[in-house]
Amino acid sequence: MYRIPRLIDINAKSRIFRDKKKLLIIGRCVELEHPETLEKFKNEYALLSVCLEAEHVNMVGFKLAGILARGKYDEVSVLTVDGSLHCTQLHWMVEEVIKILRGNSIKRRHFVIYHGKLYEVSVKAVKTSRYLYKVHKLVMEG
């Protein structure tokens, strides 16, 4: 049913991404619900899946930190269905891991699928979305 490996299950120096410079972490449901979206990424990125309904964000974040610490990557990106309670955490997790590793040279990109269409969301939007008061102010002022 699922073919994209789970991030939590692979070795930190796996051959799946050993020769890739870009990682794409997807919400697991994307593979079944929006497989056409993955076509845009499969040649350039190593694809890894995560379901935060099944795995705790701290475990996945620790695993990602180990992967990034052992390899040389130009980019780490996230692709989820927009509005998913659990998947939103993947975006925040990547930003937190990069902060912990002090990996400012690693580019981060955040993608969401909204009404079947792919959109890129800024790092600033992801960071802001962690703070409900900031979001409240933006909504009330806009």
N, C-alpha and C. Protein backbone atom coordinates (compact mmCIF):
# COMPACT_ATOMS: atom_id res chain seq x y z
N MET A 1 0.83 -1.19 0.00
CA MET A 1 0.00 0.00 0.00
C MET A 1 0.87 1.25 0.00
N TYR A 2 1.67 1.47 1.06
CA TYR A 2 2.60 2.59 1.09
C TYR A 2 3.95 2.10 0.58
N ARG A 3 4.63 2.95 -0.20
CA ARG A 3 5.94 2.57 -0.73
C ARG A 3 7.05 3.51 -0.27
N ILE A 4 6.70 4.71 0.12
CA ILE A 4 7.72 5.66 0.58
C ILE A 4 8.12 5.29 2.01
N PRO A 5 9.42 5.12 2.26
CA PRO A 5 9.86 4.68 3.58
C PRO A 5 9.54 5.69 4.68
N ARG A 6 9.27 5.15 5.85
CA ARG A 6 9.03 6.00 7.02
C ARG A 6 10.37 6.50 7.55
N LEU A 7 10.46 7.78 7.79
CA LEU A 7 11.68 8.39 8.31
C LEU A 7 12.16 7.67 9.56
N ILE A 8 11.26 7.34 10.44
CA ILE A 8 11.60 6.75 11.74
C ILE A 8 12.24 5.36 11.59
N ASP A 9 12.01 4.70 10.45
CA ASP A 9 12.47 3.32 10.27
C ASP A 9 13.81 3.18 9.57
N ILE A 10 14.37 4.25 9.07
CA ILE A 10 15.57 4.11 8.24
C ILE A 10 16.84 4.48 8.99
N ASN A 11 17.94 3.99 8.47
CA ASN A 11 19.26 4.28 9.02
C ASN A 11 19.64 5.73 8.69
N ALA A 12 20.35 6.37 9.59
CA ALA A 12 20.72 7.78 9.41
C ALA A 12 21.64 8.02 8.21
N LYS A 13 22.26 6.98 7.69
CA LYS A 13 23.10 7.10 6.49
C LYS A 13 22.57 6.17 5.39
N SER A 14 21.27 6.04 5.33
CA SER A 14 20.63 5.11 4.39
C SER A 14 21.00 5.41 2.94
N ARG A 15 21.09 4.35 2.17
CA ARG A 15 21.35 4.51 0.73
C ARG A 15 20.20 5.21 0.02
N ILE A 16 19.03 5.25 0.65
CA ILE A 16 17.87 5.93 0.07
C ILE A 16 18.17 7.40 -0.20
N PHE A 17 18.95 8.01 0.68
CA PHE A 17 19.25 9.43 0.50
C PHE A 17 20.73 9.76 0.54
N ARG A 18 21.57 8.77 0.56
CA ARG A 18 23.02 8.98 0.63
C ARG A 18 23.54 9.86 -0.51
N ASP A 19 22.99 9.71 -1.70
CA ASP A 19 23.46 10.46 -2.86
C ASP A 19 22.58 11.67 -3.20
N LYS A 20 21.68 12.00 -2.33
CA LYS A 20 20.79 13.14 -2.56
C LYS A 20 21.21 14.32 -1.70
N LYS A 21 20.97 15.50 -2.20
CA LYS A 21 21.28 16.73 -1.47
C LYS A 21 20.03 17.37 -0.87
N LYS A 22 18.86 16.80 -1.24
CA LYS A 22 17.59 17.36 -0.77
C LYS A 22 16.71 16.26 -0.20
N LEU A 23 16.14 16.55 0.96
CA LEU A 23 15.20 15.63 1.59
C LEU A 23 13.81 16.25 1.55
N LEU A 24 12.81 15.43 1.28
CA LEU A 24 11.42 15.86 1.36
C LEU A 24 10.71 14.95 2.34
N ILE A 25 10.24 15.54 3.41
CA ILE A 25 9.49 14.80 4.42
C ILE A 25 8.01 15.05 4.14
N ILE A 26 7.29 13.98 3.89
CA ILE A 26 5.88 14.13 3.57
C ILE A 26 5.00 13.58 4.69
N GLY A 27 3.84 14.18 4.86
CA GLY A 27 2.83 13.55 5.69
C GLY A 27 2.43 12.26 5.00
N ARG A 28 2.39 11.18 5.73
CA ARG A 28 2.20 9.84 5.14
C ARG A 28 0.97 9.76 4.23
N CYS A 29 -0.09 10.44 4.58
CA CYS A 29 -1.32 10.35 3.79
C CYS A 29 -1.18 10.96 2.40
N VAL A 30 -0.19 11.81 2.19
CA VAL A 30 0.00 12.44 0.88
C VAL A 30 0.23 11.38 -0.19
N GLU A 31 0.94 10.33 0.16
CA GLU A 31 1.25 9.28 -0.81
C GLU A 31 -0.01 8.65 -1.40
N LEU A 32 -1.02 8.45 -0.59
CA LEU A 32 -2.27 7.85 -1.07
C LEU A 32 -3.26 8.87 -1.59
N GLU A 33 -3.35 10.01 -0.93
CA GLU A 33 -4.38 10.99 -1.26
C GLU A 33 -3.99 11.92 -2.41
N HIS A 34 -2.70 12.20 -2.57
CA HIS A 34 -2.24 13.14 -3.60
C HIS A 34 -0.96 12.65 -4.28
N PRO A 35 -0.95 11.44 -4.81
CA PRO A 35 0.28 10.89 -5.40
C PRO A 35 0.81 11.71 -6.57
N GLU A 36 -0.07 12.39 -7.29
CA GLU A 36 0.36 13.20 -8.43
C GLU A 36 1.28 14.34 -7.99
N THR A 37 1.09 14.83 -6.78
CA THR A 37 1.92 15.92 -6.27
C THR A 37 3.36 15.47 -6.07
N LEU A 38 3.56 14.23 -5.72
CA LEU A 38 4.91 13.71 -5.47
C LEU A 38 5.74 13.60 -6.73
N GLU A 39 5.09 13.52 -7.88
CA GLU A 39 5.80 13.43 -9.15
C GLU A 39 6.75 14.62 -9.34
N LYS A 40 6.39 15.78 -8.83
CA LYS A 40 7.19 16.99 -8.98
C LYS A 40 8.50 16.93 -8.18
N PHE A 41 8.55 16.02 -7.21
CA PHE A 41 9.68 15.98 -6.29
C PHE A 41 10.56 14.74 -6.42
N LYS A 42 10.03 13.66 -6.96
CA LYS A 42 10.68 12.35 -6.82
C LYS A 42 12.06 12.24 -7.45
N ASN A 43 12.38 13.02 -8.46
CA ASN A 43 13.70 12.91 -9.08
C ASN A 43 14.78 13.68 -8.33
N GLU A 44 14.40 14.79 -7.76
CA GLU A 44 15.38 15.68 -7.12
C GLU A 44 15.54 15.44 -5.61
N TYR A 45 14.51 14.90 -4.99
CA TYR A 45 14.49 14.74 -3.54
C TYR A 45 14.47 13.28 -3.12
N ALA A 46 15.06 13.00 -1.96
CA ALA A 46 14.84 11.72 -1.29
C ALA A 46 13.56 11.89 -0.50
N LEU A 47 12.59 11.00 -0.73
CA LEU A 47 11.29 11.11 -0.08
C LEU A 47 11.24 10.22 1.15
N LEU A 48 10.77 10.80 2.25
CA LEU A 48 10.58 10.09 3.51
C LEU A 48 9.23 10.47 4.07
N SER A 49 8.53 9.51 4.66
CA SER A 49 7.20 9.82 5.17
C SER A 49 7.14 9.77 6.68
N VAL A 50 6.17 10.51 7.21
CA VAL A 50 5.95 10.57 8.65
C VAL A 50 4.45 10.67 8.89
N CYS A 51 3.98 9.96 9.89
CA CYS A 51 2.61 10.14 10.36
C CYS A 51 2.67 10.43 11.85
N LEU A 52 2.40 11.68 12.21
CA LEU A 52 2.48 12.05 13.62
C LEU A 52 1.27 11.60 14.43
N GLU A 53 0.37 10.87 13.80
CA GLU A 53 -0.66 10.18 14.56
C GLU A 53 -0.11 8.85 15.09
N ALA A 54 0.93 8.36 14.45
CA ALA A 54 1.53 7.08 14.83
C ALA A 54 2.86 7.24 15.56
N GLU A 55 3.58 8.33 15.30
CA GLU A 55 4.89 8.56 15.89
C GLU A 55 4.89 9.90 16.62
N HIS A 56 5.64 9.98 17.68
CA HIS A 56 5.71 11.25 18.41
C HIS A 56 6.69 12.20 17.73
N VAL A 57 6.33 13.45 17.69
CA VAL A 57 7.13 14.47 17.01
C VAL A 57 8.56 14.52 17.55
N ASN A 58 8.75 14.29 18.83
CA ASN A 58 10.10 14.32 19.40
C ASN A 58 10.96 13.19 18.86
N MET A 59 10.38 12.01 18.69
CA MET A 59 11.13 10.88 18.15
C MET A 59 11.54 11.15 16.70
N VAL A 60 10.61 11.66 15.92
CA VAL A 60 10.89 11.95 14.51
C VAL A 60 11.92 13.08 14.41
N GLY A 61 11.79 14.10 15.23
CA GLY A 61 12.74 15.21 15.23
C GLY A 61 14.14 14.76 15.60
N PHE A 62 14.25 13.89 16.59
CA PHE A 62 15.56 13.38 17.00
C PHE A 62 16.18 12.58 15.87
N LYS A 63 15.36 11.78 15.20
CA LYS A 63 15.85 10.98 14.06
C LYS A 63 16.32 11.90 12.93
N LEU A 64 15.53 12.93 12.62
CA LEU A 64 15.92 13.87 11.57
C LEU A 64 17.22 14.58 11.94
N ALA A 65 17.36 14.97 13.19
CA ALA A 65 18.60 15.62 13.63
C ALA A 65 19.80 14.71 13.40
N GLY A 66 19.65 13.43 13.68
CA GLY A 66 20.73 12.46 13.44
C GLY A 66 21.08 12.34 11.97
N ILE A 67 20.08 12.34 11.13
CA ILE A 67 20.29 12.26 9.68
C ILE A 67 21.04 13.49 9.19
N LEU A 68 20.58 14.67 9.61
CA LEU A 68 21.20 15.92 9.15
C LEU A 68 22.62 16.08 9.69
N ALA A 69 22.87 15.60 10.89
CA ALA A 69 24.20 15.71 11.49
C ALA A 69 25.22 14.81 10.79
N ARG A 70 24.75 13.74 10.16
CA ARG A 70 25.65 12.77 9.55
C ARG A 70 25.82 12.94 8.04
N GLY A 71 25.05 13.80 7.45
CA GLY A 71 25.13 13.98 6.01
C GLY A 71 25.29 15.44 5.64
N LYS A 72 25.45 15.68 4.36
CA LYS A 72 25.56 17.05 3.86
C LYS A 72 24.38 17.29 2.94
N TYR A 73 23.47 18.10 3.40
CA TYR A 73 22.25 18.36 2.66
C TYR A 73 22.12 19.85 2.39
N ASP A 74 21.64 20.17 1.20
CA ASP A 74 21.41 21.55 0.82
C ASP A 74 20.02 22.03 1.26
N GLU A 75 19.09 21.08 1.35
CA GLU A 75 17.70 21.46 1.60
C GLU A 75 16.94 20.36 2.32
N VAL A 76 16.08 20.79 3.23
CA VAL A 76 15.11 19.91 3.87
C VAL A 76 13.75 20.56 3.67
N SER A 77 12.84 19.82 3.09
CA SER A 77 11.51 20.36 2.82
C SER A 77 10.44 19.47 3.41
N VAL A 78 9.27 20.06 3.59
CA VAL A 78 8.12 19.34 4.15
C VAL A 78 6.95 19.53 3.20
N LEU A 79 6.17 18.47 3.02
CA LEU A 79 4.96 18.52 2.20
C LEU A 79 3.84 17.85 2.98
N THR A 80 2.78 18.60 3.26
CA THR A 80 1.65 18.06 4.00
C THR A 80 0.34 18.56 3.40
N VAL A 81 -0.73 17.98 3.88
CA VAL A 81 -2.06 18.48 3.56
C VAL A 81 -2.31 19.64 4.50
N ASP A 82 -2.68 20.79 3.95
CA ASP A 82 -2.89 21.97 4.78
C ASP A 82 -4.08 21.78 5.70
N GLY A 83 -3.91 22.20 6.93
CA GLY A 83 -4.99 22.13 7.91
C GLY A 83 -4.99 20.87 8.74
N SER A 84 -4.12 19.92 8.42
CA SER A 84 -4.05 18.70 9.22
C SER A 84 -3.45 19.00 10.58
N LEU A 85 -4.20 18.68 11.61
CA LEU A 85 -3.76 18.91 12.98
C LEU A 85 -2.37 18.33 13.25
N HIS A 86 -2.16 17.11 12.82
CA HIS A 86 -0.88 16.45 13.10
C HIS A 86 0.23 16.88 12.16
N CYS A 87 -0.11 17.04 10.89
CA CYS A 87 0.92 17.37 9.91
C CYS A 87 1.52 18.75 10.11
N THR A 88 0.76 19.66 10.65
CA THR A 88 1.30 21.01 10.90
C THR A 88 2.56 20.93 11.76
N GLN A 89 2.59 19.97 12.66
CA GLN A 89 3.75 19.80 13.53
C GLN A 89 5.02 19.46 12.76
N LEU A 90 4.90 18.82 11.60
CA LEU A 90 6.08 18.49 10.81
C LEU A 90 6.82 19.75 10.37
N HIS A 91 6.07 20.76 10.00
CA HIS A 91 6.68 22.02 9.59
C HIS A 91 7.43 22.65 10.77
N TRP A 92 6.78 22.68 11.91
CA TRP A 92 7.41 23.26 13.10
C TRP A 92 8.63 22.44 13.53
N MET A 93 8.53 21.11 13.41
CA MET A 93 9.62 20.23 13.81
C MET A 93 10.88 20.50 13.00
N VAL A 94 10.74 20.65 11.69
CA VAL A 94 11.91 20.91 10.86
C VAL A 94 12.58 22.21 11.28
N GLU A 95 11.81 23.24 11.51
CA GLU A 95 12.39 24.51 11.96
C GLU A 95 13.10 24.36 13.30
N GLU A 96 12.53 23.60 14.20
CA GLU A 96 13.14 23.37 15.52
C GLU A 96 14.43 22.59 15.40
N VAL A 97 14.45 21.56 14.58
CA VAL A 97 15.67 20.76 14.39
C VAL A 97 16.78 21.62 13.80
N ILE A 98 16.46 22.44 12.82
CA ILE A 98 17.46 23.31 12.22
C ILE A 98 18.01 24.28 13.26
N LYS A 99 17.14 24.81 14.09
CA LYS A 99 17.58 25.73 15.15
C LYS A 99 18.52 25.02 16.12
N ILE A 100 18.19 23.81 16.51
CA ILE A 100 19.02 23.03 17.44
C ILE A 100 20.38 22.74 16.83
N LEU A 101 20.40 22.38 15.56
CA LEU A 101 21.66 22.05 14.87
C LEU A 101 22.44 23.28 14.43
N ARG A 102 21.83 24.44 14.59
CA ARG A 102 22.42 25.70 14.13
C ARG A 102 22.78 25.59 12.64
N GLY A 103 21.86 25.00 11.88
CA GLY A 103 22.10 24.72 10.47
C GLY A 103 21.54 25.77 9.54
N ASN A 104 21.95 27.01 9.74
CA ASN A 104 21.41 28.09 8.93
C ASN A 104 21.72 27.94 7.44
N SER A 105 22.73 27.14 7.11
CA SER A 105 23.09 26.98 5.70
C SER A 105 22.16 25.99 4.98
N ILE A 106 21.35 25.26 5.74
CA ILE A 106 20.43 24.32 5.13
C ILE A 106 19.13 25.06 4.78
N LYS A 107 18.82 25.06 3.51
CA LYS A 107 17.60 25.71 3.06
C LYS A 107 16.40 24.88 3.50
N ARG A 108 15.35 25.56 3.92
CA ARG A 108 14.11 24.89 4.27
C ARG A 108 13.00 25.41 3.37
N ARG A 109 12.17 24.46 2.93
CA ARG A 109 11.00 24.83 2.14
C ARG A 109 9.80 24.09 2.73
N HIS A 110 8.68 24.76 2.69
CA HIS A 110 7.45 24.20 3.26
C HIS A 110 6.37 24.25 2.20
N PHE A 111 5.81 23.08 1.91
CA PHE A 111 4.77 22.95 0.91
C PHE A 111 3.51 22.39 1.55
N VAL A 112 2.37 22.88 1.09
CA VAL A 112 1.09 22.35 1.54
C VAL A 112 0.20 22.10 0.33
N ILE A 113 -0.69 21.16 0.49
CA ILE A 113 -1.71 20.90 -0.52
C ILE A 113 -3.02 21.44 0.04
N TYR A 114 -3.57 22.40 -0.68
CA TYR A 114 -4.81 23.04 -0.26
C TYR A 114 -5.80 22.94 -1.42
N HIS A 115 -6.93 22.31 -1.17
CA HIS A 115 -7.93 22.06 -2.21
C HIS A 115 -7.31 21.45 -3.47
N GLY A 116 -6.40 20.48 -3.24
CA GLY A 116 -5.81 19.74 -4.34
C GLY A 116 -4.66 20.43 -5.06
N LYS A 117 -4.34 21.65 -4.67
CA LYS A 117 -3.26 22.39 -5.33
C LYS A 117 -2.06 22.54 -4.39
N LEU A 118 -0.87 22.54 -4.98
CA LEU A 118 0.37 22.67 -4.23
C LEU A 118 0.73 24.14 -4.05
N TYR A 119 1.05 24.50 -2.82
CA TYR A 119 1.48 25.87 -2.51
C TYR A 119 2.75 25.81 -1.66
N GLU A 120 3.63 26.77 -1.88
CA GLU A 120 4.80 26.90 -1.01
C GLU A 120 4.48 27.97 0.03
N VAL A 121 4.82 27.68 1.28
CA VAL A 121 4.58 28.57 2.41
C VAL A 121 5.94 29.02 2.93
N SER A 122 6.06 30.28 3.27
CA SER A 122 7.35 30.82 3.72
C SER A 122 7.74 30.28 5.09
N VAL A 123 9.04 30.25 5.33
CA VAL A 123 9.57 29.89 6.65
C VAL A 123 8.99 30.84 7.70
N LYS A 124 8.88 32.11 7.36
CA LYS A 124 8.33 33.09 8.30
C LYS A 124 6.89 32.74 8.69
N ALA A 125 6.09 32.30 7.72
CA ALA A 125 4.71 31.90 8.02
C ALA A 125 4.68 30.70 8.96
N VAL A 126 5.56 29.73 8.73
CA VAL A 126 5.62 28.55 9.59
C VAL A 126 6.01 28.96 11.00
N LYS A 127 7.03 29.78 11.12
CA LYS A 127 7.46 30.22 12.46
C LYS A 127 6.36 31.02 13.16
N THR A 128 5.70 31.90 12.43
CA THR A 128 4.64 32.71 13.02
C THR A 128 3.46 31.85 13.48
N SER A 129 3.16 30.81 12.73
CA SER A 129 2.00 29.98 13.05
C SER A 129 2.12 29.25 14.38
N ARG A 130 3.30 29.19 14.95
CA ARG A 130 3.48 28.57 16.27
C ARG A 130 2.97 29.46 17.39
N TYR A 131 2.76 30.74 17.09
CA TYR A 131 2.39 31.70 18.13
C TYR A 131 0.97 32.21 17.90
N LEU A 132 0.04 31.70 18.67
CA LEU A 132 -1.36 32.03 18.47
C LEU A 132 -1.65 33.52 18.63
N TYR A 133 -0.95 34.19 19.54
CA TYR A 133 -1.19 35.62 19.70
C TYR A 133 -0.79 36.37 18.43
N LYS A 134 0.34 36.00 17.82
CA LYS A 134 0.76 36.66 16.58
C LYS A 134 -0.24 36.41 15.47
N VAL A 135 -0.74 35.19 15.37
CA VAL A 135 -1.74 34.86 14.37
C VAL A 135 -3.01 35.67 14.64
N HIS A 136 -3.40 35.75 15.90
CA HIS A 136 -4.59 36.52 16.28
C HIS A 136 -4.45 37.99 15.83
N LYS A 137 -3.30 38.57 16.08
CA LYS A 137 -3.09 39.97 15.69
C LYS A 137 -3.17 40.12 14.17
N LEU A 138 -2.59 39.21 13.43
CA LEU A 138 -2.65 39.27 11.96
C LEU A 138 -4.09 39.16 11.47
N VAL A 139 -4.84 38.27 12.05
CA VAL A 139 -6.23 38.07 11.64
C VAL A 139 -7.07 39.30 11.99
N MET A 140 -6.87 39.83 13.16
CA MET A 140 -7.68 40.96 13.62
C MET A 140 -7.32 42.26 12.86
N GLU A 141 -6.06 42.38 12.46
CA GLU A 141 -5.63 43.57 11.74
C GLU A 141 -5.96 43.49 10.25
N GLY A 142 -6.12 42.28 9.74
CA GLY A 142 -6.32 42.08 8.29
C GLY A 142 -7.72 42.01 7.95
